[in-house]
Amino acid sequence: MSQVAIKVEKISKKYRILHKQKNSNDSLLSAFAGGLKNMFKAEGGQTEEEFWALRDISFEVNHGDRVGIIGRNGAGKSTLLKILSRIVKPSSGRIEYYGRMASLLEVGTGFHGDLTGRENIYLNGSILGMSKKEIDSQFDEIVAFSEVEQFLDTPVKRYSSGMYVRLAFAVAAHLNPEILIVDEVLAVGDSAFQKKCLGKMNEISRSQGKTILFVSHNLAAIQNLCNKAFVLNKGTIGFPLSDTSSCIKHYLSEVVNISRTAISDRSDRMGEGMFRFTNVIMKDAAGAVMHSAQCGMDVTFEFHFKLTKEQLTNFSMAMTVYTDEGKEMFTLSNAISGYSIDVLSGNNVLQCKVKKFPLADGSYICNLIAYKDGIIQDYLQEALLLNVEEGDFYGTGRALPQDHKECFLVENKWSLS
């Protein structure tokens, strides 16, 4: 068998966008007349624009590779995966596949809403070319992994989005595809299942030689799962397929500009939206606002937010700090620290105090995430750039070495003010 699993040659995708020119003085009669014109194919003042979602995309993925596709919203990631999954036809170019492929691109992919969970498992297996005997051999594992056994004989149109994704991923991962394509759909549902999915993808790739193509805004997930990656930027290859660390470093330094947009104005966020971060402020021990942290200094992070309802119960949040290469340094989490937030109101400001800030001087990337009942409410990748200045962490007058950057735990204390 060829070492190549997927070969993509000069793939492009063009869309035609129609713009209808509207006269603000149009009357009801003229609007009705305009509708008649459209019925008879008259132009009616329309203009046409070409939009290239992808242009000249080429790369090769070998069997057993775990490839991350990185890019901002609108870069063309989802369009590329739809083309690779044969859902969308490219405008030009060709793709060669060497192996059976399964994809999980959005909630509902590949399922028939009127069929039960059980029936959809067999339907998906049949689509992948598997016999009933082969599906039977994997059936119990699929059900156990998906955690929907109680609803197995319920039509999936009655499933929550989280249940849908759990079953869809379990089917895609267990029905023996040689190539598995997964989009950001795993962001739906609880964090525990997301980790479970990432672990399963790692397992089937390393132990069974399966090929994974994975799109995610979570750079830590890509760093941990993928051995290779490439960057899409405005529909073109912004950084070619290479090792994951180099790819992430390029993306953060050349594509992302974190300080340009305020947290409150960010639209590229995920979650149900009952909670929204609006700002993060750093203060020193005296309560003065800081623009940079200092190694060894006590730092308080203030998380400002807004709610779409009067109160939230069973709430938790976290901030994870990464190096510019996407390596996770530490996570500040009220739940992990043992501080429960039973009721959260719009009058609160969340505070997290960190004693003797432990990072060496440099620039770090921070992600923010908030949960209610384990379901994501707000998720901001690259929410802020954290600058750290050199300091006397040990009280010896000696600074930490520049290359002394390892993962560790941080002592922190949470409160509501």
Protein backbone atom coordinates (compact mmCIF):
# COMPACT_ATOMS: atom_id res chain seq x y z
CA MET A 1 0.00 0.00 0.00
CA SER A 2 1.15 3.56 -0.75
CA GLN A 3 2.39 5.58 2.21
CA VAL A 4 0.12 8.43 1.06
CA ALA A 5 -3.39 8.53 2.56
CA ILE A 6 -4.62 11.76 0.93
CA LYS A 7 -3.05 13.66 -1.95
CA VAL A 8 -4.49 17.12 -2.66
CA GLU A 9 -3.44 18.92 -5.85
CA LYS A 10 -4.30 22.58 -6.53
CA ILE A 11 -7.79 22.52 -5.00
CA SER A 12 -9.77 25.74 -5.46
CA LYS A 13 -13.37 26.62 -4.62
CA LYS A 14 -15.19 29.61 -6.09
CA TYR A 15 -18.63 30.86 -5.07
CA ARG A 16 -20.84 33.33 -6.91
CA ILE A 17 -22.39 35.95 -4.63
CA LEU A 18 -25.37 37.90 -5.99
CA HIS A 19 -25.99 41.42 -4.69
CA LYS A 20 -29.40 42.93 -5.37
CA GLN A 21 -29.37 46.70 -5.65
CA LYS A 22 -32.20 48.16 -3.61
CA ASN A 23 -33.70 51.61 -4.08
CA SER A 24 -34.68 53.09 -0.72
CA ASN A 25 -37.59 54.90 -2.43
CA ASP A 26 -39.12 51.72 -3.83
CA SER A 27 -42.84 51.46 -3.29
CA LEU A 28 -44.78 48.28 -2.57
CA LEU A 29 -45.90 48.29 -6.21
CA SER A 30 -42.36 48.55 -7.56
CA ALA A 31 -41.17 45.86 -5.16
CA PHE A 32 -43.93 43.57 -6.44
CA ALA A 33 -42.89 44.39 -10.02
CA GLY A 34 -39.31 43.57 -9.13
CA GLY A 35 -40.47 40.18 -7.89
CA LEU A 36 -42.16 39.53 -11.25
CA LYS A 37 -38.92 40.45 -13.02
CA ASN A 38 -37.05 37.86 -10.98
CA MET A 39 -39.65 35.24 -11.86
CA PHE A 40 -38.94 35.86 -15.55
CA LYS A 41 -35.16 35.84 -15.04
CA ALA A 42 -34.72 39.55 -15.59
CA GLU A 43 -31.56 40.98 -14.07
CA GLY A 44 -33.42 43.56 -11.95
CA GLY A 45 -30.28 45.50 -10.95
CA GLN A 46 -28.33 42.52 -9.59
CA THR A 47 -24.55 42.47 -9.49
CA GLU A 48 -22.39 39.38 -9.21
CA GLU A 49 -19.22 38.93 -7.20
CA GLU A 50 -16.74 36.07 -7.27
CA PHE A 51 -15.53 34.80 -3.91
CA TRP A 52 -12.66 32.32 -3.71
CA ALA A 53 -13.03 30.33 -0.49
CA LEU A 54 -9.93 28.30 -1.40
CA ARG A 55 -7.17 28.83 -3.94
CA ASP A 56 -4.48 26.37 -5.11
CA ILE A 57 -4.39 24.19 -1.99
CA SER A 58 -1.89 21.32 -2.26
CA PHE A 59 -0.56 18.90 0.36
CA GLU A 60 0.03 15.18 1.04
CA VAL A 61 -0.92 13.29 4.19
CA ASN A 62 0.65 9.92 4.95
CA HIS A 63 -1.03 6.97 6.65
CA GLY A 64 -0.80 7.33 10.42
CA ASP A 65 -0.34 11.11 10.34
CA ARG A 66 -2.39 13.26 12.68
CA VAL A 67 -2.71 16.57 10.84
CA GLY A 68 -4.06 19.77 12.40
CA ILE A 69 -5.54 22.47 10.18
CA ILE A 70 -5.15 25.89 11.80
CA GLY A 71 -6.65 29.23 10.80
CA ARG A 72 -8.91 32.06 11.82
CA ASN A 73 -12.66 32.08 11.16
CA GLY A 74 -13.25 32.49 7.42
CA ALA A 75 -9.85 31.08 6.46
CA GLY A 76 -11.47 28.21 4.52
CA LYS A 77 -10.98 25.34 6.97
CA SER A 78 -14.56 24.05 6.93
CA THR A 79 -14.80 24.44 3.13
CA LEU A 80 -11.65 22.35 2.74
CA LEU A 81 -12.97 19.60 5.02
CA LYS A 82 -16.29 19.52 3.13
CA ILE A 83 -14.38 19.08 -0.12
CA LEU A 84 -12.19 16.36 1.40
CA SER A 85 -15.35 14.65 2.71
CA ARG A 86 -16.95 14.87 -0.79
CA ILE A 87 -19.82 16.98 0.48
CA VAL A 88 -18.80 19.94 -1.70
CA LYS A 89 -17.29 19.70 -5.18
CA PRO A 90 -14.16 21.78 -5.82
CA SER A 91 -14.12 24.30 -8.67
CA SER A 92 -10.76 22.93 -9.79
CA GLY A 93 -8.06 20.51 -8.70
CA ARG A 94 -8.04 16.85 -7.73
CA ILE A 95 -7.89 14.66 -4.62
CA GLU A 96 -6.68 11.07 -4.34
CA TYR A 97 -7.68 8.89 -1.38
CA TYR A 98 -6.02 5.67 -0.29
CA GLY A 99 -8.34 4.12 2.30
CA ARG A 100 -11.89 4.21 3.66
CA MET A 101 -12.88 7.62 5.01
CA ALA A 102 -15.33 8.82 7.68
CA SER A 103 -16.02 12.44 8.60
CA LEU A 104 -17.65 14.34 11.43
CA LEU A 105 -18.12 17.94 10.38
CA GLU A 106 -21.23 19.26 12.12
CA VAL A 107 -24.05 18.15 14.37
CA GLY A 108 -26.27 15.88 12.30
CA THR A 109 -23.68 14.77 9.75
CA GLY A 110 -24.61 11.36 8.36
CA PHE A 111 -27.63 10.70 10.60
CA HIS A 112 -31.29 10.37 9.65
CA GLY A 113 -33.38 12.19 12.23
CA ASP A 114 -36.35 9.83 12.07
CA LEU A 115 -34.22 6.73 12.71
CA THR A 116 -33.20 5.61 16.19
CA GLY A 117 -29.66 5.70 17.49
CA ARG A 118 -29.41 1.94 16.95
CA GLU A 119 -30.63 2.19 13.35
CA ASN A 120 -28.27 5.06 12.58
CA ILE A 121 -25.28 3.03 13.78
CA TYR A 122 -26.10 0.34 11.21
CA LEU A 123 -26.91 2.92 8.53
CA ASN A 124 -23.55 4.64 8.95
CA GLY A 125 -21.70 1.34 8.95
CA SER A 126 -23.41 0.35 5.71
CA ILE A 127 -22.46 3.68 4.11
CA LEU A 128 -18.84 2.96 5.04
CA GLY A 129 -19.12 -0.40 3.28
CA MET A 130 -19.15 -2.58 6.40
CA SER A 131 -21.09 -5.80 6.73
CA LYS A 132 -23.64 -6.35 9.51
CA LYS A 133 -21.23 -8.77 11.13
CA GLU A 134 -18.49 -6.13 11.24
CA ILE A 135 -20.87 -3.56 12.73
CA ASP A 136 -22.11 -6.11 15.31
CA SER A 137 -18.54 -6.64 16.48
CA GLN A 138 -18.15 -2.92 17.26
CA PHE A 139 -21.70 -2.19 18.40
CA ASP A 140 -21.25 -2.57 22.18
CA GLU A 141 -18.09 -0.41 22.16
CA ILE A 142 -19.90 2.33 20.21
CA VAL A 143 -22.79 2.40 22.65
CA ALA A 144 -20.52 2.38 25.71
CA PHE A 145 -18.35 5.18 24.34
CA SER A 146 -21.29 7.37 23.33
CA GLU A 147 -23.01 7.11 26.75
CA VAL A 148 -26.48 7.18 25.13
CA GLU A 149 -27.53 3.59 25.87
CA GLN A 150 -30.72 4.76 27.61
CA PHE A 151 -31.85 6.53 24.43
CA LEU A 152 -30.58 4.02 21.89
CA ASP A 153 -34.07 3.23 20.57
CA THR A 154 -35.21 6.88 20.47
CA PRO A 155 -35.24 8.78 17.13
CA VAL A 156 -32.11 10.92 17.06
CA LYS A 157 -34.09 14.05 16.15
CA ARG A 158 -35.07 14.07 19.84
CA TYR A 159 -31.42 14.01 20.98
CA SER A 160 -29.72 17.07 22.42
CA SER A 161 -26.79 18.43 20.40
CA GLY A 162 -24.39 16.89 22.93
CA MET A 163 -25.97 13.44 22.65
CA TYR A 164 -25.94 13.72 18.86
CA VAL A 165 -22.23 14.49 18.79
CA ARG A 166 -21.36 11.74 21.27
CA LEU A 167 -23.06 9.09 19.16
CA ALA A 168 -21.79 10.52 15.86
CA PHE A 169 -18.19 10.56 17.07
CA ALA A 170 -18.46 7.07 18.57
CA VAL A 171 -19.72 5.74 15.24
CA ALA A 172 -17.06 7.54 13.20
CA ALA A 173 -14.20 6.43 15.47
CA HIS A 174 -15.21 2.79 15.91
CA LEU A 175 -16.35 1.72 12.46
CA ASN A 176 -12.77 1.25 11.24
CA PRO A 177 -12.16 4.07 8.76
CA GLU A 178 -8.58 4.39 7.55
CA ILE A 179 -9.05 8.18 7.40
CA LEU A 180 -11.02 10.20 9.97
CA ILE A 181 -11.85 13.87 9.33
CA VAL A 182 -13.10 15.88 12.32
CA ASP A 183 -14.15 19.55 12.49
CA GLU A 184 -14.68 21.78 15.55
CA VAL A 185 -17.95 19.92 16.22
CA LEU A 186 -16.38 18.46 19.38
CA ALA A 187 -16.74 21.90 20.99
CA VAL A 188 -20.41 21.01 21.48
CA GLY A 189 -21.08 19.39 24.85
CA ASP A 190 -19.04 18.92 27.99
CA SER A 191 -15.28 19.16 28.38
CA ALA A 192 -14.91 15.61 29.74
CA PHE A 193 -16.25 14.11 26.52
CA GLN A 194 -14.01 16.37 24.41
CA LYS A 195 -10.97 14.96 26.22
CA LYS A 196 -12.34 11.46 25.74
CA CYS A 197 -12.66 12.06 21.98
CA LEU A 198 -9.13 13.45 21.70
CA GLY A 199 -7.82 10.43 23.59
CA LYS A 200 -9.66 8.06 21.25
CA MET A 201 -8.30 9.78 18.14
CA ASN A 202 -4.79 9.56 19.57
CA GLU A 203 -5.30 5.88 20.34
CA ILE A 204 -6.62 4.82 16.93
CA SER A 205 -3.90 6.76 15.13
CA ARG A 206 -0.95 5.54 17.18
CA SER A 207 -2.05 1.93 17.74
CA GLN A 208 -3.98 1.26 14.53
CA GLY A 209 -2.21 3.57 12.08
CA LYS A 210 -5.35 5.58 11.27
CA THR A 211 -4.99 8.96 9.58
CA ILE A 212 -6.59 11.98 11.32
CA LEU A 213 -7.38 15.40 9.87
CA PHE A 214 -8.45 17.68 12.70
CA VAL A 215 -9.69 21.29 12.61
CA SER A 216 -9.79 23.09 15.95
CA HIS A 217 -9.32 26.56 17.41
CA ASN A 218 -7.86 24.84 20.48
CA LEU A 219 -4.12 25.04 19.81
CA ALA A 220 -3.36 22.92 22.88
CA ALA A 221 -5.54 20.11 21.50
CA ILE A 222 -3.76 20.32 18.15
CA GLN A 223 -0.38 20.41 19.90
CA ASN A 224 -1.21 17.31 21.96
CA LEU A 225 -2.89 15.29 19.21
CA CYS A 226 -1.21 16.20 15.92
CA ASN A 227 2.29 15.39 14.72
CA LYS A 228 1.90 17.71 11.71
CA ALA A 229 -0.11 20.82 10.85
CA PHE A 230 -0.53 23.59 8.32
CA VAL A 231 -2.05 27.07 8.38
CA LEU A 232 -4.88 28.30 6.16
CA ASN A 233 -5.02 32.07 5.75
CA LYS A 234 -7.71 33.71 3.60
CA GLY A 235 -8.19 30.60 1.49
CA THR A 236 -4.53 29.88 0.77
CA ILE A 237 -1.76 27.92 2.47
CA GLY A 238 -0.27 30.41 4.93
CA PHE A 239 2.30 27.94 6.27
CA PRO A 240 2.97 24.56 4.61
CA LEU A 241 2.54 21.14 6.20
CA SER A 242 5.30 20.75 8.78
CA ASP A 243 5.85 19.88 12.44
CA THR A 244 3.09 21.13 14.72
CA SER A 245 5.21 23.40 16.94
CA SER A 246 6.64 25.37 14.00
CA CYS A 247 3.18 25.72 12.49
CA ILE A 248 1.60 27.02 15.71
CA LYS A 249 4.49 29.43 16.27
CA HIS A 250 4.01 30.89 12.77
CA TYR A 251 0.25 31.18 13.27
CA LEU A 252 0.56 33.05 16.56
CA SER A 253 3.32 35.38 15.35
CA GLU A 254 2.18 36.07 11.77
CA VAL A 255 -1.61 35.54 11.63
CA VAL A 256 -2.98 36.34 15.09
CA ASN A 257 -2.97 39.88 16.44
CA ILE A 258 -4.52 39.48 19.88
CA SER A 259 -4.33 43.09 21.06
CA ARG A 260 -6.25 44.47 18.08
CA THR A 261 -9.78 43.55 19.22
CA ALA A 262 -11.20 44.08 22.71
CA ILE A 263 -12.58 40.97 24.44
CA SER A 264 -16.05 42.53 24.63
CA ASP A 265 -16.05 43.04 20.83
CA ARG A 266 -14.85 39.57 19.86
CA SER A 267 -17.33 37.70 17.64
CA ASP A 268 -15.23 34.55 17.11
CA ARG A 269 -16.39 32.90 20.32
CA MET A 270 -18.23 29.67 21.04
CA GLY A 271 -20.73 28.54 23.66
CA GLU A 272 -24.39 28.86 24.59
CA GLY A 273 -23.97 32.52 25.56
CA MET A 274 -25.59 32.82 28.98
CA PHE A 275 -22.19 34.17 30.14
CA ARG A 276 -19.84 36.41 28.16
CA PHE A 277 -16.35 37.63 29.11
CA THR A 278 -15.99 41.38 28.55
CA ASN A 279 -12.53 42.19 29.96
CA VAL A 280 -9.57 40.86 31.94
CA ILE A 281 -7.61 43.22 34.19
CA MET A 282 -4.37 42.50 36.07
CA LYS A 283 -3.66 44.17 39.42
CA ASP A 284 -0.74 44.12 41.84
CA ALA A 285 -0.95 43.44 45.59
CA ALA A 286 -1.89 47.10 46.24
CA GLY A 287 -4.76 46.98 43.74
CA ALA A 288 -3.04 49.06 41.03
CA VAL A 289 -3.69 48.05 37.42
CA MET A 290 -0.72 46.33 35.73
CA HIS A 291 -0.02 46.03 32.02
CA SER A 292 2.62 43.33 32.55
CA ALA A 293 3.05 40.71 35.23
CA GLN A 294 6.39 40.31 36.96
CA CYS A 295 7.95 36.97 37.79
CA GLY A 296 7.69 36.38 41.56
CA MET A 297 5.13 39.17 42.15
CA ASP A 298 1.64 38.55 43.55
CA VAL A 299 -0.89 39.11 40.75
CA THR A 300 -4.71 39.34 40.81
CA PHE A 301 -6.67 38.63 37.63
CA GLU A 302 -10.09 40.27 37.45
CA PHE A 303 -12.54 38.69 35.00
CA HIS A 304 -15.35 41.04 33.97
CA PHE A 305 -18.45 39.60 32.32
CA LYS A 306 -22.10 40.02 31.43
CA LEU A 307 -25.01 37.60 31.81
CA THR A 308 -28.05 37.12 29.60
CA LYS A 309 -30.10 36.02 32.62
CA GLU A 310 -30.30 37.34 36.17
CA GLN A 311 -28.27 34.54 37.75
CA LEU A 312 -26.26 31.46 36.82
CA THR A 313 -25.92 28.44 39.07
CA ASN A 314 -23.30 25.69 39.15
CA PHE A 315 -20.81 27.89 37.30
CA SER A 316 -17.10 27.44 36.66
CA MET A 317 -14.44 29.11 34.54
CA ALA A 318 -10.79 28.76 33.65
CA MET A 319 -7.92 30.63 32.03
CA THR A 320 -5.19 28.56 30.38
CA VAL A 321 -1.79 30.08 29.60
CA TYR A 322 0.37 28.90 26.67
CA THR A 323 3.75 29.71 25.20
CA ASP A 324 3.88 31.16 21.68
CA GLU A 325 4.46 27.60 20.44
CA GLY A 326 1.16 26.42 21.90
CA LYS A 327 2.68 24.58 24.87
CA GLU A 328 0.36 24.65 27.88
CA MET A 329 1.95 26.22 30.94
CA PHE A 330 -0.85 26.15 33.52
CA THR A 331 -4.58 26.57 34.05
CA LEU A 332 -6.28 28.76 36.64
CA SER A 333 -9.64 27.17 37.44
CA ASN A 334 -11.99 27.81 40.33
CA ALA A 335 -13.31 24.23 40.14
CA ILE A 336 -9.86 22.63 40.25
CA SER A 337 -8.83 24.98 43.07
CA GLY A 338 -11.85 23.87 45.10
CA TYR A 339 -13.77 27.16 45.07
CA SER A 340 -17.41 26.47 44.12
CA ILE A 341 -19.50 29.19 42.53
CA ASP A 342 -23.05 28.11 43.30
CA VAL A 343 -24.70 31.40 42.24
CA LEU A 344 -23.27 34.04 39.92
CA SER A 345 -24.97 37.41 39.33
CA GLY A 346 -24.27 40.36 37.08
CA ASN A 347 -22.98 42.35 40.09
CA ASN A 348 -19.99 40.08 40.59
CA VAL A 349 -16.45 40.34 39.29
CA LEU A 350 -14.49 37.09 39.35
CA GLN A 351 -11.07 37.39 40.92
CA CYS A 352 -8.16 34.94 40.92
CA LYS A 353 -5.12 35.69 43.05
CA VAL A 354 -1.79 34.11 42.08
CA LYS A 355 1.02 34.23 44.61
CA LYS A 356 4.56 34.67 43.30
CA PHE A 357 3.74 34.61 39.58
CA PRO A 358 5.96 31.78 38.31
CA LEU A 359 6.58 32.37 34.58
CA ALA A 360 9.89 33.58 33.17
CA ASP A 361 9.86 36.84 31.22
CA GLY A 362 8.29 36.67 27.78
CA SER A 363 4.92 36.79 26.01
CA TYR A 364 2.20 34.19 26.57
CA ILE A 365 -1.22 33.46 25.05
CA CYS A 366 -4.32 33.08 27.26
CA ASN A 367 -7.56 31.25 26.44
CA LEU A 368 -10.76 31.82 28.44
CA ILE A 369 -13.60 29.36 28.97
CA ALA A 370 -16.75 29.35 31.12
CA TYR A 371 -19.19 26.54 31.95
CA LYS A 372 -22.63 26.10 33.46
CA ASP A 373 -23.47 22.52 34.48
CA GLY A 374 -20.43 21.40 32.48
CA ILE A 375 -21.72 22.97 29.23
CA ILE A 376 -19.60 25.67 27.56
CA GLN A 377 -21.11 29.16 27.82
CA ASP A 378 -18.23 31.22 26.45
CA TYR A 379 -14.98 30.11 24.87
CA LEU A 380 -12.40 32.59 23.60
CA GLN A 381 -9.22 31.37 21.94
CA GLU A 382 -6.27 33.76 22.16
CA ALA A 383 -8.27 36.09 24.38
CA LEU A 384 -5.29 38.09 25.54
CA LEU A 385 -1.55 38.42 25.31
CA LEU A 386 0.10 38.16 28.73
CA ASN A 387 3.44 39.93 28.98
CA VAL A 388 5.73 38.91 31.84
CA GLU A 389 8.76 40.88 33.03
CA GLU A 390 11.85 39.49 34.69
CA GLY A 391 11.66 39.32 38.49
CA ASP A 392 13.33 37.88 41.58
CA PHE A 393 11.15 34.79 42.05
CA TYR A 394 13.45 33.05 44.57
CA GLY A 395 14.52 36.21 46.43
CA THR A 396 18.16 35.48 45.60
CA GLY A 397 18.77 38.24 43.08
CA ARG A 398 19.04 35.65 40.33
CA ALA A 399 16.60 35.56 37.42
CA LEU A 400 15.18 32.40 35.89
CA PRO A 401 16.99 31.19 32.74
CA GLN A 402 15.30 32.19 29.50
CA ASP A 403 14.76 28.57 28.43
CA HIS A 404 13.32 27.47 31.79
CA LYS A 405 9.71 27.01 30.63
CA GLU A 406 8.06 23.84 31.86
CA CYS A 407 4.49 22.96 32.82
CA PHE A 408 3.77 23.27 36.53
CA LEU A 409 1.01 23.92 39.06
CA VAL A 410 0.26 27.41 40.39
CA GLU A 411 -1.00 28.23 43.87
CA ASN A 412 -4.11 30.41 43.44
CA LYS A 413 -7.13 31.53 45.40
CA TRP A 414 -10.58 32.47 44.07
CA SER A 415 -13.26 34.81 45.39
CA LEU A 416 -16.25 36.89 44.30
CA SER A 417 -16.08 40.62 44.97
